[in-house]
Amino acid sequence: MASGFVNQQNAKAESAIDRFTSVQNAIVEHAIAGKLATAYRAMVGGEFYPIPAIWWNTERLKPRFTFCRINPDDPFGANGKAWIFVSRVDLERMLQHLSPTATSNDERKCANWLEEQFLQDPDVRISKAKFQDRAKELFGTGPKPFGRVWDELAKKHPERKVAGPKRKG
């Protein structure tokens, strides 16, 4: 019983770490390709300065994502002295590109929420209709957007696609 709980928690953590790593990789790839504008600003304030794309071409990225800082005098060093910023417009475009099923912010929120629900206890069965009703309450997601999100996530989590036995009649 305890080992099942531990395995479940480990699976959730592993999934979250994988998603976090995927987001970091996407940010770096888009920044290097010039599709995501990034900038730095002194810790105390002041002007924003563009971060050259080449500064993202390094294996020493962990401190940047951990502290959201970079050192413009030593861009590949570990001690960041300036805050990192990204273009909101470019970030939204990147997210749209990475999640074609999510056509709006509410749909993305619904997709994230539904993924979390799918990762919870796999033995608990909840009908698609109940998930859809709850998504409408939480995010205002209509049947078509919810259907797109559901279908995409059901591919990743086929064990959750069917909630239980079909009703007769």
Protein backbone atom coordinates (compact mmCIF):
# COMPACT_ATOMS: atom_id res chain seq x y z
CA MET A 1 0.00 0.00 0.00
CA ALA A 2 2.71 2.47 0.98
CA SER A 3 4.85 1.50 -2.00
CA GLY A 4 1.89 2.16 -4.31
CA PHE A 5 1.51 5.64 -2.84
CA VAL A 6 5.24 6.32 -3.18
CA ASN A 7 5.23 5.09 -6.78
CA GLN A 8 2.26 7.33 -7.55
CA GLN A 9 3.97 10.37 -6.02
CA ASN A 10 7.21 9.59 -7.86
CA ALA A 11 5.30 9.32 -11.15
CA LYS A 12 3.71 12.73 -10.53
CA ALA A 13 7.07 14.29 -9.68
CA GLU A 14 8.77 12.70 -12.68
CA SER A 15 6.03 13.95 -14.98
CA ALA A 16 6.31 17.48 -13.57
CA ILE A 17 10.11 17.46 -13.95
CA ASP A 18 9.75 16.25 -17.54
CA ARG A 19 7.29 19.07 -18.32
CA PHE A 20 9.57 21.64 -16.66
CA THR A 21 12.58 20.40 -18.64
CA SER A 22 10.56 20.49 -21.87
CA VAL A 23 9.59 24.11 -21.22
CA GLN A 24 13.20 25.07 -20.50
CA ASN A 25 14.38 23.35 -23.68
CA ALA A 26 11.69 25.09 -25.72
CA ILE A 27 12.67 28.49 -24.31
CA VAL A 28 16.32 27.89 -25.17
CA GLU A 29 15.53 26.57 -28.68
CA HIS A 30 13.25 29.50 -29.46
CA ALA A 31 15.71 32.04 -28.03
CA ILE A 32 18.59 30.61 -30.11
CA ALA A 33 16.40 30.62 -33.22
CA GLY A 34 15.46 34.26 -32.62
CA LYS A 35 11.79 33.37 -32.14
CA LEU A 36 11.73 34.35 -28.45
CA ALA A 37 13.13 37.77 -27.62
CA THR A 38 14.95 37.84 -24.29
CA ALA A 39 16.44 40.76 -22.40
CA TYR A 40 18.27 41.51 -19.19
CA ARG A 41 17.96 44.39 -16.76
CA ALA A 42 20.05 45.35 -13.77
CA MET A 43 18.76 43.96 -10.46
CA VAL A 44 17.98 47.45 -9.16
CA GLY A 45 16.16 48.59 -12.30
CA GLY A 46 16.93 50.54 -15.42
CA GLU A 47 17.01 49.87 -19.11
CA PHE A 48 16.37 46.52 -20.80
CA TYR A 49 19.13 45.16 -23.04
CA PRO A 50 18.59 42.36 -25.58
CA ILE A 51 20.25 39.05 -24.78
CA PRO A 52 22.11 37.88 -27.89
CA ALA A 53 20.85 34.51 -29.15
CA ILE A 54 24.36 33.05 -28.88
CA TRP A 55 24.28 33.52 -25.09
CA TRP A 56 21.62 30.78 -24.94
CA ASN A 57 23.94 28.29 -26.68
CA THR A 58 25.44 26.74 -23.54
CA GLU A 59 25.10 23.72 -21.28
CA ARG A 60 25.24 25.95 -18.18
CA LEU A 61 21.56 26.90 -18.16
CA LYS A 62 20.47 25.61 -14.77
CA PRO A 63 21.43 28.78 -12.83
CA ARG A 64 19.51 30.90 -15.35
CA PHE A 65 16.33 28.94 -14.85
CA THR A 66 16.82 28.52 -11.11
CA PHE A 67 17.45 32.20 -10.36
CA CYS A 68 16.17 33.87 -13.57
CA ARG A 69 19.44 35.81 -13.80
CA ILE A 70 22.37 36.26 -16.15
CA ASN A 71 25.69 38.09 -15.91
CA PRO A 72 26.15 40.24 -19.02
CA ASP A 73 29.88 40.53 -18.25
CA ASP A 74 30.20 36.72 -18.10
CA PRO A 75 27.13 35.33 -19.93
CA PHE A 76 28.22 31.72 -19.59
CA GLY A 77 29.15 32.00 -15.91
CA ALA A 78 27.03 30.83 -13.00
CA ASN A 79 26.64 34.09 -11.06
CA GLY A 80 23.83 36.13 -12.54
CA LYS A 81 23.85 39.85 -11.83
CA ALA A 82 20.87 40.91 -13.96
CA TRP A 83 17.26 39.73 -14.24
CA ILE A 84 16.18 37.83 -17.36
CA PHE A 85 12.97 38.81 -19.14
CA VAL A 86 11.15 37.36 -22.16
CA SER A 87 8.80 38.95 -24.64
CA ARG A 88 5.21 38.17 -23.62
CA VAL A 89 4.07 38.21 -27.26
CA ASP A 90 6.84 35.83 -28.33
CA LEU A 91 6.17 33.58 -25.32
CA GLU A 92 2.45 33.36 -26.16
CA ARG A 93 3.36 32.56 -29.77
CA MET A 94 5.79 29.86 -28.60
CA LEU A 95 3.16 28.32 -26.32
CA GLN A 96 0.65 28.36 -29.15
CA HIS A 97 3.16 26.61 -31.40
CA LEU A 98 3.99 23.99 -28.76
CA SER A 99 0.36 23.29 -27.89
CA PRO A 100 -1.65 23.45 -31.11
CA THR A 101 -4.70 21.97 -29.38
CA ALA A 102 -4.85 24.93 -27.03
CA THR A 103 -6.18 27.89 -28.98
CA SER A 104 -6.68 30.17 -26.02
CA ASN A 105 -5.29 30.85 -22.60
CA ASP A 106 -8.37 29.21 -21.03
CA GLU A 107 -7.87 26.13 -23.21
CA ARG A 108 -4.22 25.91 -22.09
CA LYS A 109 -5.33 26.19 -18.47
CA CYS A 110 -7.91 23.47 -19.10
CA ALA A 111 -5.28 21.25 -20.74
CA ASN A 112 -2.89 21.68 -17.79
CA TRP A 113 -5.67 20.99 -15.29
CA LEU A 114 -6.90 17.93 -17.16
CA GLU A 115 -3.36 16.53 -17.39
CA GLU A 116 -3.05 16.89 -13.61
CA GLN A 117 -6.36 15.08 -13.20
CA PHE A 118 -5.16 12.26 -15.46
CA LEU A 119 -2.00 11.86 -13.37
CA GLN A 120 -3.95 11.43 -10.15
CA ASP A 121 -5.02 7.99 -8.96
CA PRO A 122 -5.44 5.96 -12.17
CA ASP A 123 -7.88 3.61 -10.46
CA VAL A 124 -10.42 6.40 -9.92
CA ARG A 125 -12.75 6.58 -12.90
CA ILE A 126 -14.51 9.83 -13.73
CA SER A 127 -16.58 10.22 -16.86
CA LYS A 128 -15.56 12.51 -19.69
CA ALA A 129 -18.86 14.37 -19.18
CA LYS A 130 -17.99 15.13 -15.55
CA PHE A 131 -14.54 16.36 -16.56
CA GLN A 132 -16.17 18.51 -19.24
CA ASP A 133 -18.69 19.97 -16.77
CA ARG A 134 -15.91 20.81 -14.33
CA ALA A 135 -13.75 22.35 -17.09
CA LYS A 136 -16.67 24.55 -18.09
CA GLU A 137 -17.06 25.72 -14.48
CA LEU A 138 -13.34 26.38 -14.02
CA PHE A 139 -12.32 27.75 -17.42
CA GLY A 140 -15.46 28.36 -19.45
CA THR A 141 -14.29 25.69 -21.88
CA GLY A 142 -16.99 24.76 -24.39
CA PRO A 143 -17.58 21.28 -25.86
CA LYS A 144 -15.38 21.71 -28.96
CA PRO A 145 -12.31 23.14 -27.20
CA PHE A 146 -12.70 20.58 -24.41
CA GLY A 147 -12.97 17.82 -27.00
CA ARG A 148 -9.70 18.93 -28.64
CA VAL A 149 -7.92 18.99 -25.28
CA TRP A 150 -9.43 15.64 -24.24
CA ASP A 151 -8.50 13.92 -27.51
CA GLU A 152 -4.91 15.16 -27.36
CA LEU A 153 -4.44 14.10 -23.74
CA ALA A 154 -6.18 10.76 -24.29
CA LYS A 155 -3.41 9.93 -26.79
CA LYS A 156 -0.84 10.48 -24.02
CA HIS A 157 -2.93 8.73 -21.38
CA PRO A 158 -4.90 5.98 -23.13
CA GLU A 159 -5.65 4.30 -19.81
CA ARG A 160 -7.75 7.35 -18.83
CA LYS A 161 -9.73 7.70 -22.06
CA VAL A 162 -12.48 5.35 -20.97
CA ALA A 163 -13.99 6.30 -17.64
CA GLY A 164 -15.93 3.13 -17.03
CA PRO A 165 -18.47 0.79 -18.56
CA LYS A 166 -20.67 2.22 -21.30
CA ARG A 167 -24.28 2.88 -20.46
CA LYS A 168 -26.88 0.73 -22.13
CA GLY A 169 -29.76 2.17 -24.03
